Amino acid sequence: MATHYIATRGIPYECAHQCAGCCAYSMGVAYGKGRGGASTGILDHDEARERAEFAASGKAARDAEAIADLAPCPRCKKRNASAITRLLIVTSTPWVVLAGAGVWAAVTYDPERTGSPLPIVVVVAALLASIVVTIRGIGRWMGSTSRVELSVVPAPDE
């Protein structure tokens, strides 16, 4: 029987940030969170544990980069517009899918002709996915101020 390992990481990562508004260069620490898993199907226990930890560390690093991009500039207090746009695209995509699923359900569902609840199930699943992604997006936005510590430093010589 396969054993599934899950690892969670919440590690500080050093990050560099350049403000698109005032061009200030900042260095600091972003506290990323990540979770990874692996099973012992073809791996032994030590390898599965290492893969889970490696996956969690990678996700924590990506999370730290994402929240560092969303953090306000320590000098001008403005946020990176391209990072905000990426966050809005990610959090709004499921809502667009939900709207499409709702239209599909409205067009195809006829309770008198078919007893299949598939259109309703698809709409409910899309709604749940939309809510989860939106909550995660809000959490990332809120974390960009509480999990990032930036300070303005001289720009490195290029």
C-alpha atoms as a PDB file:
ATOM      1  CA  MET A   1       0.000   0.000   0.000  1.00  0.00           C
ATOM      2  CA  ALA A   2       1.348   3.413  -0.954  1.00  0.00           C
ATOM      3  CA  THR A   3       2.066   6.018   1.679  1.00  0.00           C
ATOM      4  CA  HIS A   4       1.449   9.667   0.822  1.00  0.00           C
ATOM      5  CA  TYR A   5       3.743  12.286   2.340  1.00  0.00           C
ATOM      6  CA  ILE A   6       2.695  15.918   2.680  1.00  0.00           C
ATOM      7  CA  ALA A   7       5.172  18.653   3.561  1.00  0.00           C
ATOM      8  CA  THR A   8       4.414  22.251   4.459  1.00  0.00           C
ATOM      9  CA  ARG A   9       6.983  25.021   4.335  1.00  0.00           C
ATOM     10  CA  GLY A  10       6.836  28.559   5.644  1.00  0.00           C
ATOM     11  CA  ILE A  11      10.330  29.832   5.029  1.00  0.00           C
ATOM     12  CA  PRO A  12      11.666  33.383   4.678  1.00  0.00           C
ATOM     13  CA  TYR A  13      13.146  34.168   1.264  1.00  0.00           C
ATOM     14  CA  GLU A  14      15.375  37.081   0.391  1.00  0.00           C
ATOM     15  CA  CYS A  15      13.790  39.132  -2.355  1.00  0.00           C
ATOM     16  CA  ALA A  16      14.647  42.114  -4.509  1.00  0.00           C
ATOM     17  CA  HIS A  17      11.976  44.472  -5.774  1.00  0.00           C
ATOM     18  CA  GLN A  18      12.066  47.439  -8.112  1.00  0.00           C
ATOM     19  CA  CYS A  19       9.131  49.820  -8.064  1.00  0.00           C
ATOM     20  CA  ALA A  20       7.602  50.535 -11.464  1.00  0.00           C
ATOM     21  CA  GLY A  21       6.414  53.945 -10.234  1.00  0.00           C
ATOM     22  CA  CYS A  22       9.411  55.601  -8.554  1.00  0.00           C
ATOM     23  CA  CYS A  23      12.124  53.097  -9.667  1.00  0.00           C
ATOM     24  CA  ALA A  24      13.267  52.573  -6.070  1.00  0.00           C
ATOM     25  CA  TYR A  25      15.236  49.378  -5.547  1.00  0.00           C
ATOM     26  CA  SER A  26      14.280  47.434  -2.426  1.00  0.00           C
ATOM     27  CA  MET A  27      15.673  44.385  -0.698  1.00  0.00           C
ATOM     28  CA  GLY A  28      13.950  42.438   1.994  1.00  0.00           C
ATOM     29  CA  VAL A  29      12.390  39.251   3.172  1.00  0.00           C
ATOM     30  CA  ALA A  30       9.164  37.658   1.988  1.00  0.00           C
ATOM     31  CA  TYR A  31       7.659  34.846   4.020  1.00  0.00           C
ATOM     32  CA  GLY A  32       6.367  32.314   1.493  1.00  0.00           C
ATOM     33  CA  LYS A  33       4.062  29.422   2.272  1.00  0.00           C
ATOM     34  CA  GLY A  34       3.971  26.188   0.300  1.00  0.00           C
ATOM     35  CA  ARG A  35       2.662  22.656   0.469  1.00  0.00           C
ATOM     36  CA  GLY A  36       3.786  19.619  -1.505  1.00  0.00           C
ATOM     37  CA  GLY A  37       3.108  15.908  -1.601  1.00  0.00           C
ATOM     38  CA  ALA A  38       4.528  12.658  -2.941  1.00  0.00           C
ATOM     39  CA  SER A  39       3.604   8.986  -2.726  1.00  0.00           C
ATOM     40  CA  THR A  40       5.614   5.827  -2.272  1.00  0.00           C
ATOM     41  CA  GLY A  41       4.125   4.127  -5.337  1.00  0.00           C
ATOM     42  CA  ILE A  42       7.471   3.870  -7.185  1.00  0.00           C
ATOM     43  CA  LEU A  43       9.581   5.784  -4.651  1.00  0.00           C
ATOM     44  CA  ASP A  44      10.908   4.575  -1.333  1.00  0.00           C
ATOM     45  CA  HIS A  45       9.894   6.427   1.837  1.00  0.00           C
ATOM     46  CA  ASP A  46      12.952   8.685   1.992  1.00  0.00           C
ATOM     47  CA  GLU A  47      12.643   9.723  -1.660  1.00  0.00           C
ATOM     48  CA  ALA A  48       8.913  10.427  -1.304  1.00  0.00           C
ATOM     49  CA  ARG A  49       9.542  12.539   1.799  1.00  0.00           C
ATOM     50  CA  GLU A  50      12.308  14.475   0.016  1.00  0.00           C
ATOM     51  CA  ARG A  51      10.124  15.090  -3.044  1.00  0.00           C
ATOM     52  CA  ALA A  52       7.292  16.372  -0.859  1.00  0.00           C
ATOM     53  CA  GLU A  53       9.680  18.720   0.957  1.00  0.00           C
ATOM     54  CA  PHE A  54      11.234  19.870  -2.333  1.00  0.00           C
ATOM     55  CA  ALA A  55       7.789  20.577  -3.830  1.00  0.00           C
ATOM     56  CA  ALA A  56       6.726  22.500  -0.710  1.00  0.00           C
ATOM     57  CA  SER A  57       9.927  24.576  -0.777  1.00  0.00           C
ATOM     58  CA  GLY A  58       9.423  25.389  -4.467  1.00  0.00           C
ATOM     59  CA  LYS A  59       5.843  26.491  -3.885  1.00  0.00           C
ATOM     60  CA  ALA A  60       6.910  28.577  -0.891  1.00  0.00           C
ATOM     61  CA  ALA A  61       9.552  30.301  -3.046  1.00  0.00           C
ATOM     62  CA  ARG A  62       7.006  31.076  -5.782  1.00  0.00           C
ATOM     63  CA  ASP A  63       4.560  32.358  -3.150  1.00  0.00           C
ATOM     64  CA  ALA A  64       7.265  34.613  -1.694  1.00  0.00           C
ATOM     65  CA  GLU A  65       8.058  36.049  -5.143  1.00  0.00           C
ATOM     66  CA  ALA A  66       4.369  36.662  -5.854  1.00  0.00           C
ATOM     67  CA  ILE A  67       3.674  38.455  -2.588  1.00  0.00           C
ATOM     68  CA  ALA A  68       6.902  40.471  -2.889  1.00  0.00           C
ATOM     69  CA  ASP A  69       5.688  41.686  -6.306  1.00  0.00           C
ATOM     70  CA  LEU A  70       2.357  42.675  -4.763  1.00  0.00           C
ATOM     71  CA  ALA A  71       3.899  44.464  -1.778  1.00  0.00           C
ATOM     72  CA  PRO A  72       3.708  48.246  -1.738  1.00  0.00           C
ATOM     73  CA  CYS A  73       6.906  50.164  -2.432  1.00  0.00           C
ATOM     74  CA  PRO A  74       8.545  51.334   0.808  1.00  0.00           C
ATOM     75  CA  ARG A  75       9.251  54.760  -0.739  1.00  0.00           C
ATOM     76  CA  CYS A  76       6.093  55.745  -2.682  1.00  0.00           C
ATOM     77  CA  LYS A  77       3.638  53.158  -1.204  1.00  0.00           C
ATOM     78  CA  LYS A  78       2.338  52.225  -4.675  1.00  0.00           C
ATOM     79  CA  ARG A  79       1.898  48.628  -5.810  1.00  0.00           C
ATOM     80  CA  ASN A  80       3.207  47.002  -9.002  1.00  0.00           C
ATOM     81  CA  ALA A  81       0.456  47.335 -11.626  1.00  0.00           C
ATOM     82  CA  SER A  82       1.504  44.231 -13.587  1.00  0.00           C
ATOM     83  CA  ALA A  83       1.399  42.072 -10.424  1.00  0.00           C
ATOM     84  CA  ILE A  84      -2.072  43.412  -9.612  1.00  0.00           C
ATOM     85  CA  THR A  85      -3.188  42.654 -13.177  1.00  0.00           C
ATOM     86  CA  ARG A  86      -1.878  39.067 -12.925  1.00  0.00           C
ATOM     87  CA  LEU A  87      -3.686  38.609  -9.598  1.00  0.00           C
ATOM     88  CA  LEU A  88      -6.940  39.965 -11.036  1.00  0.00           C
ATOM     89  CA  ILE A  89      -6.694  37.688 -14.075  1.00  0.00           C
ATOM     90  CA  VAL A  90      -6.078  34.625 -11.916  1.00  0.00           C
ATOM     91  CA  THR A  91      -8.902  35.450  -9.513  1.00  0.00           C
ATOM     92  CA  SER A  92     -11.408  36.451 -12.193  1.00  0.00           C
ATOM     93  CA  THR A  93     -10.906  33.539 -14.603  1.00  0.00           C
ATOM     94  CA  PRO A  94     -13.042  31.090 -12.575  1.00  0.00           C
ATOM     95  CA  TRP A  95     -15.849  33.661 -12.468  1.00  0.00           C
ATOM     96  CA  VAL A  96     -15.771  33.876 -16.270  1.00  0.00           C
ATOM     97  CA  VAL A  97     -15.932  30.076 -16.408  1.00  0.00           C
ATOM     98  CA  LEU A  98     -18.833  30.191 -13.952  1.00  0.00           C
ATOM     99  CA  ALA A  99     -20.688  32.657 -16.160  1.00  0.00           C
ATOM    100  CA  GLY A 100     -20.138  30.399 -19.164  1.00  0.00           C
ATOM    101  CA  ALA A 101     -21.300  27.353 -17.192  1.00  0.00           C
ATOM    102  CA  GLY A 102     -24.375  29.276 -16.079  1.00  0.00           C
ATOM    103  CA  VAL A 103     -25.276  30.187 -19.642  1.00  0.00           C
ATOM    104  CA  TRP A 104     -24.686  26.583 -20.741  1.00  0.00           C
ATOM    105  CA  ALA A 105     -26.877  25.294 -17.901  1.00  0.00           C
ATOM    106  CA  ALA A 106     -29.650  27.763 -18.685  1.00  0.00           C
ATOM    107  CA  VAL A 107     -29.664  26.753 -22.340  1.00  0.00           C
ATOM    108  CA  THR A 108     -29.376  22.977 -21.921  1.00  0.00           C
ATOM    109  CA  TYR A 109     -31.200  22.162 -18.701  1.00  0.00           C
ATOM    110  CA  ASP A 110     -34.805  21.085 -19.138  1.00  0.00           C
ATOM    111  CA  PRO A 111     -36.109  19.218 -16.058  1.00  0.00           C
ATOM    112  CA  GLU A 112     -39.140  17.898 -17.939  1.00  0.00           C
ATOM    113  CA  ARG A 113     -37.122  16.421 -20.809  1.00  0.00           C
ATOM    114  CA  THR A 114     -34.063  15.136 -18.964  1.00  0.00           C
ATOM    115  CA  GLY A 115     -33.663  14.245 -15.342  1.00  0.00           C
ATOM    116  CA  SER A 116     -29.890  14.730 -15.464  1.00  0.00           C
ATOM    117  CA  PRO A 117     -28.605  17.228 -12.897  1.00  0.00           C
ATOM    118  CA  LEU A 118     -25.285  17.594 -14.768  1.00  0.00           C
ATOM    119  CA  PRO A 119     -25.726  21.283 -15.704  1.00  0.00           C
ATOM    120  CA  ILE A 120     -26.545  22.166 -12.094  1.00  0.00           C
ATOM    121  CA  VAL A 121     -23.569  20.143 -10.810  1.00  0.00           C
ATOM    122  CA  VAL A 122     -21.226  21.914 -13.257  1.00  0.00           C
ATOM    123  CA  VAL A 123     -22.476  25.344 -12.172  1.00  0.00           C
ATOM    124  CA  VAL A 124     -22.130  24.506  -8.472  1.00  0.00           C
ATOM    125  CA  ALA A 125     -18.591  23.135  -9.017  1.00  0.00           C
ATOM    126  CA  ALA A 126     -17.603  26.269 -10.945  1.00  0.00           C
ATOM    127  CA  LEU A 127     -19.079  28.443  -8.187  1.00  0.00           C
ATOM    128  CA  LEU A 128     -17.106  26.620  -5.497  1.00  0.00           C
ATOM    129  CA  ALA A 129     -13.888  26.870  -7.517  1.00  0.00           C
ATOM    130  CA  SER A 130     -14.495  30.582  -8.045  1.00  0.00           C
ATOM    131  CA  ILE A 131     -14.990  31.186  -4.344  1.00  0.00           C
ATOM    132  CA  VAL A 132     -11.840  29.246  -3.406  1.00  0.00           C
ATOM    133  CA  VAL A 133      -9.662  31.060  -5.957  1.00  0.00           C
ATOM    134  CA  THR A 134     -11.043  34.440  -4.903  1.00  0.00           C
ATOM    135  CA  ILE A 135     -10.381  33.746  -1.219  1.00  0.00           C
ATOM    136  CA  ARG A 136      -6.811  32.701  -2.050  1.00  0.00           C
ATOM    137  CA  GLY A 137      -6.349  35.865  -4.118  1.00  0.00           C
ATOM    138  CA  ILE A 138      -7.586  38.027  -1.254  1.00  0.00           C
ATOM    139  CA  GLY A 139      -5.250  36.152   1.105  1.00  0.00           C
ATOM    140  CA  ARG A 140      -2.308  36.790  -1.207  1.00  0.00           C
ATOM    141  CA  TRP A 141      -3.235  40.490  -1.432  1.00  0.00           C
ATOM    142  CA  MET A 142      -3.484  40.790   2.349  1.00  0.00           C
ATOM    143  CA  GLY A 143      -0.275  38.787   2.823  1.00  0.00           C
ATOM    144  CA  SER A 144       1.619  41.177   0.583  1.00  0.00           C
ATOM    145  CA  THR A 145       1.729  43.695   3.411  1.00  0.00           C
ATOM    146  CA  SER A 146       1.972  41.416   6.443  1.00  0.00           C
ATOM    147  CA  ARG A 147       4.444  38.810   5.081  1.00  0.00           C
ATOM    148  CA  VAL A 148       6.888  41.118   3.269  1.00  0.00           C
ATOM    149  CA  GLU A 149       9.490  43.393   4.835  1.00  0.00           C
ATOM    150  CA  LEU A 150      11.176  45.644   2.260  1.00  0.00           C
ATOM    151  CA  SER A 151      13.593  48.520   2.680  1.00  0.00           C
ATOM    152  CA  VAL A 152      15.013  50.846   0.021  1.00  0.00           C
ATOM    153  CA  VAL A 153      18.678  50.221  -0.810  1.00  0.00           C
ATOM    154  CA  PRO A 154      21.020  51.574  -3.487  1.00  0.00           C
ATOM    155  CA  ALA A 155      20.488  49.861  -6.825  1.00  0.00           C
ATOM    156  CA  PRO A 156      23.165  47.306  -7.732  1.00  0.00           C
ATOM    157  CA  ASP A 157      25.638  48.299 -10.403  1.00  0.00           C
ATOM    158  CA  GLU A 158      24.717  46.771 -13.692  1.00  0.00           C
END
